[in-house]
Amino acid sequence: MTSHPALTKWVEKMTSLCQPKSVRWCDGSQDEWKEMTELLVETGTFIRLNPELRPNSFLARSSPGDVARVEDRTFICTKRQDEVGPTNNWADSAEMLTKMHDLFEGCMAGRTMYIIPFCMGPIDSPLAKIGVQITDSPYVVVNMQIMTNMGAGVLKRLEDENCLLYTSPSPRDRG
């Protein structure tokens, strides 16, 4: 959890929108890594490789229909189409926000919402980029732990700096 007021408000807003069964703040610990990888092995998402030859290694196969691999479902959202370049899909940011809120309503029902505070780069670097991601995927949690610093240190930096957060407004918040 955090004492950062804007982050707390955003998490409450996303919890209300997505309606998960439970909410879990990720800490990036080794215990969390072990728990998430065991869950992924149990559900068949991961296949553990030989621990003597490849300790802490897993095989994970993604679906050909994975959104990250489908370019026609990826959009750059701005007010003006000329800002995105000729090879990108464009959508008006206000229209896409309304569409996404409609799609996200109740999307995590019966699932766990993982809240991942993360830092790209060393936490104490002035060049580091800090963010908070929500997901219902243990696979995303494990991958974020590999690619970023995450957990209490990130939250402490946010709180110490009293950083302003960019949070997308709800279309229902507009007059």
N, C-alpha and C. Protein backbone atom coordinates (compact mmCIF):
# COMPACT_ATOMS: atom_id res chain seq x y z
N MET A 1 0.84 -1.18 0.00
CA MET A 1 0.00 0.00 0.00
C MET A 1 0.89 1.25 0.00
N THR A 2 0.25 2.36 -0.22
CA THR A 2 1.00 3.60 -0.32
C THR A 2 0.29 4.72 0.42
N SER A 3 1.07 5.74 0.77
CA SER A 3 0.48 6.94 1.37
C SER A 3 0.39 8.06 0.34
N HIS A 4 0.70 7.76 -0.92
CA HIS A 4 0.63 8.75 -1.99
C HIS A 4 -0.85 8.97 -2.35
N PRO A 5 -1.40 10.17 -2.08
CA PRO A 5 -2.85 10.37 -2.26
C PRO A 5 -3.34 10.18 -3.68
N ALA A 6 -2.61 10.67 -4.67
CA ALA A 6 -3.07 10.54 -6.06
C ALA A 6 -3.04 9.08 -6.50
N LEU A 7 -2.01 8.34 -6.09
CA LEU A 7 -1.93 6.93 -6.45
C LEU A 7 -3.04 6.13 -5.76
N THR A 8 -3.27 6.42 -4.49
CA THR A 8 -4.35 5.75 -3.77
C THR A 8 -5.69 5.98 -4.47
N LYS A 9 -5.95 7.21 -4.86
CA LYS A 9 -7.21 7.55 -5.53
C LYS A 9 -7.33 6.81 -6.86
N TRP A 10 -6.23 6.76 -7.63
CA TRP A 10 -6.25 6.08 -8.93
C TRP A 10 -6.50 4.58 -8.76
N VAL A 11 -5.84 3.96 -7.78
CA VAL A 11 -6.03 2.52 -7.55
C VAL A 11 -7.48 2.26 -7.14
N GLU A 12 -8.04 3.11 -6.29
CA GLU A 12 -9.44 2.94 -5.91
C GLU A 12 -10.35 3.07 -7.13
N LYS A 13 -10.06 4.02 -8.00
CA LYS A 13 -10.85 4.24 -9.22
C LYS A 13 -10.77 3.01 -10.15
N MET A 14 -9.55 2.48 -10.34
CA MET A 14 -9.38 1.32 -11.20
C MET A 14 -10.00 0.07 -10.59
N THR A 15 -9.94 -0.06 -9.27
CA THR A 15 -10.57 -1.19 -8.59
C THR A 15 -12.09 -1.13 -8.78
N SER A 16 -12.64 0.05 -8.64
CA SER A 16 -14.09 0.22 -8.85
C SER A 16 -14.47 -0.08 -10.30
N LEU A 17 -13.65 0.35 -11.25
CA LEU A 17 -13.94 0.13 -12.66
C LEU A 17 -13.81 -1.34 -13.04
N CYS A 18 -12.70 -1.95 -12.67
CA CYS A 18 -12.38 -3.32 -13.12
C CYS A 18 -13.04 -4.41 -12.26
N GLN A 19 -13.41 -4.08 -11.03
CA GLN A 19 -14.14 -4.96 -10.11
C GLN A 19 -13.46 -6.31 -9.86
N PRO A 20 -12.18 -6.29 -9.46
CA PRO A 20 -11.51 -7.57 -9.17
C PRO A 20 -12.04 -8.20 -7.88
N LYS A 21 -11.79 -9.51 -7.76
CA LYS A 21 -12.14 -10.24 -6.54
C LYS A 21 -11.22 -9.78 -5.40
N SER A 22 -9.94 -9.56 -5.73
CA SER A 22 -8.97 -9.12 -4.72
C SER A 22 -7.93 -8.21 -5.37
N VAL A 23 -7.23 -7.46 -4.52
CA VAL A 23 -6.19 -6.54 -4.98
C VAL A 23 -4.90 -6.88 -4.25
N ARG A 24 -3.82 -6.95 -5.00
CA ARG A 24 -2.52 -7.27 -4.40
C ARG A 24 -1.46 -6.29 -4.88
N TRP A 25 -0.81 -5.65 -3.93
CA TRP A 25 0.31 -4.76 -4.24
C TRP A 25 1.56 -5.61 -4.38
N CYS A 26 2.23 -5.53 -5.51
CA CYS A 26 3.44 -6.34 -5.76
C CYS A 26 4.64 -5.68 -5.12
N ASP A 27 5.52 -6.52 -4.53
CA ASP A 27 6.68 -5.98 -3.83
C ASP A 27 8.01 -6.32 -4.50
N GLY A 28 7.98 -7.15 -5.53
CA GLY A 28 9.22 -7.48 -6.24
C GLY A 28 10.15 -8.40 -5.47
N SER A 29 9.67 -9.02 -4.42
CA SER A 29 10.52 -9.86 -3.57
C SER A 29 10.77 -11.23 -4.20
N GLN A 30 11.77 -11.91 -3.68
CA GLN A 30 12.07 -13.26 -4.12
C GLN A 30 10.92 -14.21 -3.77
N ASP A 31 10.30 -13.99 -2.62
CA ASP A 31 9.14 -14.82 -2.24
C ASP A 31 8.00 -14.65 -3.24
N GLU A 32 7.77 -13.41 -3.67
CA GLU A 32 6.72 -13.16 -4.66
C GLU A 32 7.06 -13.84 -5.98
N TRP A 33 8.33 -13.74 -6.40
CA TRP A 33 8.78 -14.40 -7.63
C TRP A 33 8.49 -15.90 -7.57
N LYS A 34 8.87 -16.50 -6.44
CA LYS A 34 8.68 -17.94 -6.28
C LYS A 34 7.18 -18.29 -6.32
N GLU A 35 6.37 -17.52 -5.63
CA GLU A 35 4.92 -17.76 -5.62
C GLU A 35 4.32 -17.62 -7.02
N MET A 36 4.69 -16.58 -7.74
CA MET A 36 4.13 -16.35 -9.08
C MET A 36 4.59 -17.42 -10.07
N THR A 37 5.88 -17.80 -10.03
CA THR A 37 6.36 -18.82 -10.96
C THR A 37 5.74 -20.18 -10.65
N GLU A 38 5.54 -20.49 -9.37
CA GLU A 38 4.87 -21.75 -9.01
C GLU A 38 3.42 -21.74 -9.52
N LEU A 39 2.74 -20.62 -9.38
CA LEU A 39 1.37 -20.50 -9.88
C LEU A 39 1.33 -20.71 -11.40
N LEU A 40 2.29 -20.12 -12.10
CA LEU A 40 2.34 -20.25 -13.56
C LEU A 40 2.68 -21.68 -13.99
N VAL A 41 3.50 -22.38 -13.21
CA VAL A 41 3.78 -23.80 -13.49
C VAL A 41 2.52 -24.62 -13.25
N GLU A 42 1.84 -24.37 -12.12
CA GLU A 42 0.62 -25.13 -11.79
C GLU A 42 -0.47 -24.95 -12.85
N THR A 43 -0.58 -23.77 -13.42
CA THR A 43 -1.63 -23.51 -14.41
C THR A 43 -1.22 -23.89 -15.82
N GLY A 44 0.04 -24.32 -16.00
CA GLY A 44 0.51 -24.75 -17.31
C GLY A 44 1.03 -23.64 -18.20
N THR A 45 1.09 -22.42 -17.69
CA THR A 45 1.64 -21.31 -18.48
C THR A 45 3.16 -21.44 -18.60
N PHE A 46 3.80 -21.91 -17.53
CA PHE A 46 5.24 -22.14 -17.52
C PHE A 46 5.50 -23.64 -17.46
N ILE A 47 6.58 -24.05 -18.11
CA ILE A 47 7.12 -25.39 -17.95
C ILE A 47 8.52 -25.20 -17.38
N ARG A 48 8.74 -25.79 -16.21
CA ARG A 48 10.04 -25.62 -15.54
C ARG A 48 11.10 -26.39 -16.33
N LEU A 49 12.21 -25.72 -16.63
CA LEU A 49 13.34 -26.38 -17.28
C LEU A 49 14.18 -27.11 -16.24
N ASN A 50 15.06 -27.96 -16.68
CA ASN A 50 15.91 -28.73 -15.79
C ASN A 50 16.62 -27.79 -14.81
N PRO A 51 16.31 -27.89 -13.50
CA PRO A 51 16.88 -26.94 -12.53
C PRO A 51 18.40 -27.09 -12.35
N GLU A 52 18.95 -28.26 -12.71
CA GLU A 52 20.41 -28.43 -12.60
C GLU A 52 21.12 -27.70 -13.74
N LEU A 53 20.52 -27.75 -14.94
CA LEU A 53 21.13 -27.10 -16.09
C LEU A 53 20.70 -25.64 -16.24
N ARG A 54 19.47 -25.34 -15.90
CA ARG A 54 18.90 -24.00 -16.08
C ARG A 54 18.10 -23.60 -14.83
N PRO A 55 18.80 -23.25 -13.73
CA PRO A 55 18.07 -22.89 -12.51
C PRO A 55 17.20 -21.64 -12.74
N ASN A 56 16.02 -21.65 -12.13
CA ASN A 56 15.07 -20.54 -12.23
C ASN A 56 14.71 -20.19 -13.67
N SER A 57 14.65 -21.21 -14.53
CA SER A 57 14.32 -20.99 -15.94
C SER A 57 13.06 -21.76 -16.32
N PHE A 58 12.29 -21.16 -17.21
CA PHE A 58 11.00 -21.72 -17.60
C PHE A 58 10.80 -21.54 -19.09
N LEU A 59 9.99 -22.43 -19.66
CA LEU A 59 9.53 -22.28 -21.03
C LEU A 59 8.12 -21.71 -20.96
N ALA A 60 7.89 -20.64 -21.70
CA ALA A 60 6.55 -20.05 -21.79
C ALA A 60 6.26 -19.81 -23.27
N ARG A 61 5.16 -20.37 -23.73
CA ARG A 61 4.77 -20.18 -25.13
C ARG A 61 3.60 -19.21 -25.16
N SER A 62 3.71 -18.21 -26.02
CA SER A 62 2.62 -17.25 -26.13
C SER A 62 1.69 -17.65 -27.27
N SER A 63 0.50 -17.13 -27.19
CA SER A 63 -0.51 -17.41 -28.20
C SER A 63 -0.27 -16.54 -29.43
N PRO A 64 -0.46 -17.09 -30.64
CA PRO A 64 -0.34 -16.26 -31.85
C PRO A 64 -1.33 -15.10 -31.87
N GLY A 65 -2.42 -15.21 -31.11
CA GLY A 65 -3.41 -14.14 -31.05
C GLY A 65 -3.13 -13.11 -29.96
N ASP A 66 -1.96 -13.21 -29.32
CA ASP A 66 -1.58 -12.28 -28.27
C ASP A 66 -1.65 -10.85 -28.80
N VAL A 67 -2.33 -9.98 -28.05
CA VAL A 67 -2.50 -8.59 -28.48
C VAL A 67 -1.17 -7.91 -28.79
N ALA A 68 -0.13 -8.22 -28.05
CA ALA A 68 1.16 -7.59 -28.29
C ALA A 68 1.71 -7.92 -29.68
N ARG A 69 1.19 -8.97 -30.28
CA ARG A 69 1.67 -9.38 -31.59
C ARG A 69 0.68 -9.03 -32.72
N VAL A 70 -0.36 -8.29 -32.39
CA VAL A 70 -1.38 -7.97 -33.39
C VAL A 70 -1.39 -6.46 -33.59
N GLU A 71 -0.73 -6.04 -34.64
CA GLU A 71 -0.56 -4.61 -34.88
C GLU A 71 -1.86 -3.85 -35.10
N ASP A 72 -2.88 -4.52 -35.64
CA ASP A 72 -4.13 -3.80 -35.91
C ASP A 72 -4.90 -3.46 -34.64
N ARG A 73 -4.44 -3.95 -33.49
CA ARG A 73 -5.08 -3.63 -32.21
C ARG A 73 -4.25 -2.67 -31.38
N THR A 74 -3.20 -2.12 -31.95
CA THR A 74 -2.32 -1.19 -31.25
C THR A 74 -2.53 0.20 -31.83
N PHE A 75 -2.81 1.17 -30.95
CA PHE A 75 -3.13 2.52 -31.40
C PHE A 75 -2.29 3.55 -30.68
N ILE A 76 -1.95 4.61 -31.39
CA ILE A 76 -1.38 5.82 -30.82
C ILE A 76 -2.56 6.78 -30.70
N CYS A 77 -2.84 7.26 -29.50
CA CYS A 77 -4.03 8.10 -29.29
C CYS A 77 -3.61 9.53 -29.01
N THR A 78 -3.97 10.41 -29.90
CA THR A 78 -3.68 11.83 -29.78
C THR A 78 -4.89 12.61 -30.27
N LYS A 79 -4.82 13.92 -30.14
CA LYS A 79 -5.91 14.74 -30.66
C LYS A 79 -5.82 14.89 -32.18
N ARG A 80 -4.58 14.81 -32.71
CA ARG A 80 -4.40 15.01 -34.15
C ARG A 80 -3.72 13.79 -34.77
N GLN A 81 -4.26 13.33 -35.87
CA GLN A 81 -3.74 12.14 -36.54
C GLN A 81 -2.33 12.34 -37.08
N ASP A 82 -1.98 13.56 -37.47
CA ASP A 82 -0.66 13.81 -38.05
C ASP A 82 0.48 13.68 -37.03
N GLU A 83 0.17 13.47 -35.77
CA GLU A 83 1.19 13.33 -34.73
C GLU A 83 1.73 11.92 -34.60
N VAL A 84 1.14 10.94 -35.28
CA VAL A 84 1.52 9.55 -35.04
C VAL A 84 2.42 8.92 -36.09
N GLY A 85 2.57 9.52 -37.22
CA GLY A 85 3.41 8.94 -38.26
C GLY A 85 2.61 8.04 -39.17
N PRO A 86 3.16 7.77 -40.34
CA PRO A 86 2.40 7.07 -41.38
C PRO A 86 2.19 5.58 -41.14
N THR A 87 2.99 4.94 -40.30
CA THR A 87 2.87 3.49 -40.14
C THR A 87 2.14 3.07 -38.87
N ASN A 88 1.61 4.02 -38.14
CA ASN A 88 0.91 3.71 -36.89
C ASN A 88 -0.60 3.84 -37.06
N ASN A 89 -1.35 3.09 -36.25
CA ASN A 89 -2.80 3.23 -36.20
C ASN A 89 -3.12 4.38 -35.26
N TRP A 90 -4.02 5.25 -35.67
CA TRP A 90 -4.38 6.42 -34.88
C TRP A 90 -5.81 6.31 -34.39
N ALA A 91 -6.06 6.86 -33.20
CA ALA A 91 -7.42 7.03 -32.69
C ALA A 91 -7.45 8.31 -31.87
N ASP A 92 -8.58 8.99 -31.89
CA ASP A 92 -8.77 10.17 -31.07
C ASP A 92 -8.69 9.77 -29.60
N SER A 93 -7.90 10.49 -28.81
CA SER A 93 -7.67 10.09 -27.42
C SER A 93 -8.95 10.11 -26.59
N ALA A 94 -9.81 11.09 -26.78
CA ALA A 94 -11.06 11.15 -26.00
C ALA A 94 -11.99 9.99 -26.37
N GLU A 95 -12.09 9.69 -27.65
CA GLU A 95 -12.95 8.58 -28.09
C GLU A 95 -12.41 7.24 -27.58
N MET A 96 -11.09 7.06 -27.64
CA MET A 96 -10.50 5.80 -27.18
C MET A 96 -10.64 5.66 -25.67
N LEU A 97 -10.53 6.74 -24.94
CA LEU A 97 -10.69 6.68 -23.49
C LEU A 97 -12.09 6.18 -23.12
N THR A 98 -13.10 6.70 -23.79
CA THR A 98 -14.47 6.24 -23.55
C THR A 98 -14.60 4.76 -23.89
N LYS A 99 -14.07 4.37 -25.03
CA LYS A 99 -14.14 2.96 -25.45
C LYS A 99 -13.43 2.04 -24.45
N MET A 100 -12.24 2.45 -23.99
CA MET A 100 -11.48 1.62 -23.07
C MET A 100 -12.18 1.50 -21.72
N HIS A 101 -12.75 2.59 -21.23
CA HIS A 101 -13.48 2.51 -19.96
C HIS A 101 -14.66 1.55 -20.07
N ASP A 102 -15.35 1.58 -21.20
CA ASP A 102 -16.46 0.65 -21.41
C ASP A 102 -15.95 -0.80 -21.43
N LEU A 103 -14.82 -1.03 -22.10
CA LEU A 103 -14.25 -2.38 -22.17
C LEU A 103 -13.73 -2.86 -20.81
N PHE A 104 -13.18 -1.94 -20.01
CA PHE A 104 -12.58 -2.33 -18.74
C PHE A 104 -13.60 -2.52 -17.62
N GLU A 105 -14.82 -2.05 -17.80
CA GLU A 105 -15.82 -2.16 -16.75
C GLU A 105 -16.07 -3.64 -16.43
N GLY A 106 -15.70 -4.03 -15.20
CA GLY A 106 -15.90 -5.40 -14.74
C GLY A 106 -14.95 -6.42 -15.33
N CYS A 107 -13.89 -5.99 -16.01
CA CYS A 107 -13.02 -6.92 -16.73
C CYS A 107 -12.21 -7.86 -15.83
N MET A 108 -12.06 -7.53 -14.55
CA MET A 108 -11.28 -8.39 -13.65
C MET A 108 -12.16 -9.13 -12.65
N ALA A 109 -13.45 -9.17 -12.91
CA ALA A 109 -14.37 -9.88 -11.99
C ALA A 109 -13.88 -11.31 -11.78
N GLY A 110 -13.77 -11.71 -10.51
CA GLY A 110 -13.34 -13.06 -10.17
C GLY A 110 -11.83 -13.25 -10.21
N ARG A 111 -11.09 -12.20 -10.51
CA ARG A 111 -9.62 -12.30 -10.63
C ARG A 111 -8.93 -11.42 -9.59
N THR A 112 -7.62 -11.56 -9.54
CA THR A 112 -6.79 -10.70 -8.70
C THR A 112 -6.26 -9.56 -9.53
N MET A 113 -6.36 -8.34 -9.00
CA MET A 113 -5.72 -7.18 -9.62
C MET A 113 -4.36 -7.00 -8.95
N TYR A 114 -3.31 -7.11 -9.76
CA TYR A 114 -1.96 -6.89 -9.27
C TYR A 114 -1.59 -5.44 -9.55
N ILE A 115 -1.08 -4.74 -8.55
CA ILE A 115 -0.62 -3.38 -8.70
C ILE A 115 0.90 -3.42 -8.64
N ILE A 116 1.53 -2.98 -9.73
CA ILE A 116 2.98 -3.11 -9.87
C ILE A 116 3.63 -1.73 -9.91
N PRO A 117 4.18 -1.26 -8.77
CA PRO A 117 4.99 -0.05 -8.81
C PRO A 117 6.36 -0.41 -9.38
N PHE A 118 6.79 0.29 -10.43
CA PHE A 118 8.04 -0.11 -11.08
C PHE A 118 8.89 1.11 -11.43
N CYS A 119 10.17 0.83 -11.61
CA CYS A 119 11.14 1.86 -11.99
C CYS A 119 12.01 1.31 -13.10
N MET A 120 12.05 2.05 -14.21
CA MET A 120 12.95 1.70 -15.31
C MET A 120 14.28 2.40 -15.03
N GLY A 121 15.28 1.61 -14.69
CA GLY A 121 16.58 2.16 -14.32
C GLY A 121 16.77 2.10 -12.81
N PRO A 122 17.94 2.53 -12.34
CA PRO A 122 18.20 2.53 -10.90
C PRO A 122 17.23 3.48 -10.18
N ILE A 123 16.70 3.05 -9.06
CA ILE A 123 15.70 3.84 -8.34
C ILE A 123 16.23 5.23 -7.95
N ASP A 124 17.52 5.32 -7.64
CA ASP A 124 18.06 6.61 -7.20
C ASP A 124 18.55 7.50 -8.34
N SER A 125 18.38 7.09 -9.57
CA SER A 125 18.84 7.88 -10.71
C SER A 125 17.85 9.00 -11.03
N PRO A 126 18.35 10.21 -11.32
CA PRO A 126 17.45 11.29 -11.73
C PRO A 126 16.84 11.02 -13.11
N LEU A 127 17.39 10.08 -13.85
CA LEU A 127 16.88 9.74 -15.18
C LEU A 127 15.88 8.59 -15.16
N ALA A 128 15.71 7.96 -14.00
CA ALA A 128 14.82 6.80 -13.90
C ALA A 128 13.38 7.22 -14.20
N LYS A 129 12.66 6.30 -14.78
CA LYS A 129 11.25 6.51 -15.08
C LYS A 129 10.42 5.59 -14.18
N ILE A 130 9.50 6.20 -13.43
CA ILE A 130 8.68 5.47 -12.48
C ILE A 130 7.26 5.37 -13.01
N GLY A 131 6.65 4.22 -12.80
CA GLY A 131 5.26 4.04 -13.20
C GLY A 131 4.58 3.06 -12.28
N VAL A 132 3.27 2.95 -12.44
CA VAL A 132 2.49 1.96 -11.72
C VAL A 132 1.58 1.30 -12.75
N GLN A 133 1.66 -0.01 -12.83
CA GLN A 133 0.87 -0.77 -13.79
C GLN A 133 -0.11 -1.65 -13.04
N ILE A 134 -1.30 -1.81 -13.62
CA ILE A 134 -2.23 -2.79 -13.07
C ILE A 134 -2.44 -3.88 -14.12
N THR A 135 -2.61 -5.09 -13.63
CA THR A 135 -2.83 -6.24 -14.50
C THR A 135 -3.54 -7.32 -13.71
N ASP A 136 -4.11 -8.28 -14.41
CA ASP A 136 -4.66 -9.46 -13.73
C ASP A 136 -3.83 -10.69 -14.08
N SER A 137 -2.62 -10.46 -14.60
CA SER A 137 -1.79 -11.55 -15.09
C SER A 137 -0.53 -11.77 -14.23
N PRO A 138 -0.42 -12.95 -13.59
CA PRO A 138 0.83 -13.27 -12.88
C PRO A 138 2.03 -13.29 -13.83
N TYR A 139 1.80 -13.62 -15.10
CA TYR A 139 2.86 -13.63 -16.11
C TYR A 139 3.44 -12.22 -16.27
N VAL A 140 2.60 -11.22 -16.28
CA VAL A 140 3.06 -9.83 -16.37
C VAL A 140 3.87 -9.46 -15.13
N VAL A 141 3.40 -9.88 -13.95
CA VAL A 141 4.13 -9.59 -12.71
C VAL A 141 5.55 -10.15 -12.79
N VAL A 142 5.67 -11.40 -13.21
CA VAL A 142 7.00 -12.05 -13.30
C VAL A 142 7.88 -11.31 -14.31
N ASN A 143 7.33 -10.95 -15.45
CA ASN A 143 8.14 -10.26 -16.46
C ASN A 143 8.53 -8.86 -16.02
N MET A 144 7.66 -8.16 -15.32
CA MET A 144 8.02 -6.83 -14.81
C MET A 144 9.12 -6.94 -13.77
N GLN A 145 9.12 -8.03 -13.00
CA GLN A 145 10.19 -8.22 -12.01
C GLN A 145 11.53 -8.45 -12.71
N ILE A 146 11.51 -9.10 -13.87
CA ILE A 146 12.74 -9.32 -14.62
C ILE A 146 13.25 -8.01 -15.22
N MET A 147 12.34 -7.19 -15.75
CA MET A 147 12.73 -6.01 -16.53
C MET A 147 12.91 -4.73 -15.73
N THR A 148 12.38 -4.68 -14.50
CA THR A 148 12.37 -3.42 -13.76
C THR A 148 12.76 -3.63 -12.30
N ASN A 149 12.98 -2.53 -11.63
CA ASN A 149 12.98 -2.54 -10.17
C ASN A 149 11.53 -2.31 -9.77
N MET A 150 11.06 -3.05 -8.79
CA MET A 150 9.67 -2.85 -8.40
C MET A 150 9.49 -3.04 -6.91
N GLY A 151 8.43 -2.44 -6.39
CA GLY A 151 8.08 -2.64 -5.00
C GLY A 151 8.22 -1.42 -4.12
N ALA A 152 8.56 -1.68 -2.86
CA ALA A 152 8.55 -0.66 -1.81
C ALA A 152 9.49 0.51 -2.10
N GLY A 153 10.65 0.24 -2.70
CA GLY A 153 11.59 1.32 -3.00
C GLY A 153 11.01 2.32 -3.99
N VAL A 154 10.25 1.83 -4.93
CA VAL A 154 9.62 2.70 -5.92
C VAL A 154 8.54 3.54 -5.24
N LEU A 155 7.73 2.91 -4.41
CA LEU A 155 6.69 3.65 -3.70
C LEU A 155 7.29 4.71 -2.79
N LYS A 156 8.40 4.37 -2.13
CA LYS A 156 9.06 5.34 -1.25
C LYS A 156 9.53 6.55 -2.05
N ARG A 157 10.11 6.32 -3.24
CA ARG A 157 10.55 7.46 -4.05
C ARG A 157 9.36 8.32 -4.47
N LEU A 158 8.28 7.71 -4.88
CA LEU A 158 7.07 8.46 -5.24
C LEU A 158 6.59 9.31 -4.06
N GLU A 159 6.54 8.70 -2.89
CA GLU A 159 6.06 9.41 -1.71
C GLU A 159 7.03 10.51 -1.28
N ASP A 160 8.35 10.22 -1.28
CA ASP A 160 9.35 11.22 -0.88
C ASP A 160 9.35 12.44 -1.80
N GLU A 161 9.22 12.20 -3.08
CA GLU A 161 9.26 13.30 -4.04
C GLU A 161 7.89 13.94 -4.23
N ASN A 162 6.87 13.31 -3.65
CA ASN A 162 5.50 13.78 -3.83
C ASN A 162 5.23 14.02 -5.31
N CYS A 163 5.66 13.04 -6.11
CA CYS A 163 5.53 13.15 -7.57
C CYS A 163 4.07 13.26 -7.96
N LEU A 164 3.82 14.05 -8.97
CA LEU A 164 2.49 14.11 -9.56
C LEU A 164 2.35 12.91 -10.47
N LEU A 165 1.19 12.33 -10.47
CA LEU A 165 0.93 11.18 -11.32
C LEU A 165 0.03 11.61 -12.45
N TYR A 166 0.30 11.07 -13.63
CA TYR A 166 -0.65 11.24 -14.73
C TYR A 166 -1.61 10.08 -14.63
N THR A 167 -2.85 10.38 -14.46
CA THR A 167 -3.87 9.34 -14.49
C THR A 167 -4.92 9.78 -15.48
N SER A 168 -5.35 8.85 -16.27
CA SER A 168 -6.35 9.21 -17.28
C SER A 168 -7.68 9.45 -16.61
N PRO A 169 -8.36 10.53 -16.97
CA PRO A 169 -9.66 10.81 -16.38
C PRO A 169 -10.70 9.85 -16.92
N SER A 170 -11.68 9.59 -16.13
CA SER A 170 -12.80 8.78 -16.60
C SER A 170 -13.65 9.62 -17.52
N PRO A 171 -14.17 9.03 -18.59
CA PRO A 171 -15.06 9.80 -19.46
C PRO A 171 -16.28 10.29 -18.68
N ARG A 172 -16.61 9.59 -17.61
CA ARG A 172 -17.77 9.99 -16.80
C ARG A 172 -17.43 11.17 -15.90
N ASP A 173 -16.10 11.47 -15.72
CA ASP A 173 -15.68 12.60 -14.90
C ASP A 173 -15.83 13.92 -15.65
N ARG A 174 -15.97 13.85 -16.94
CA ARG A 174 -16.08 15.07 -17.73
C ARG A 174 -17.51 15.59 -17.68
N GLY A 175 -17.62 16.89 -17.72
CA GLY A 175 -18.93 17.53 -17.63
C GLY A 175 -19.84 17.32 -18.72
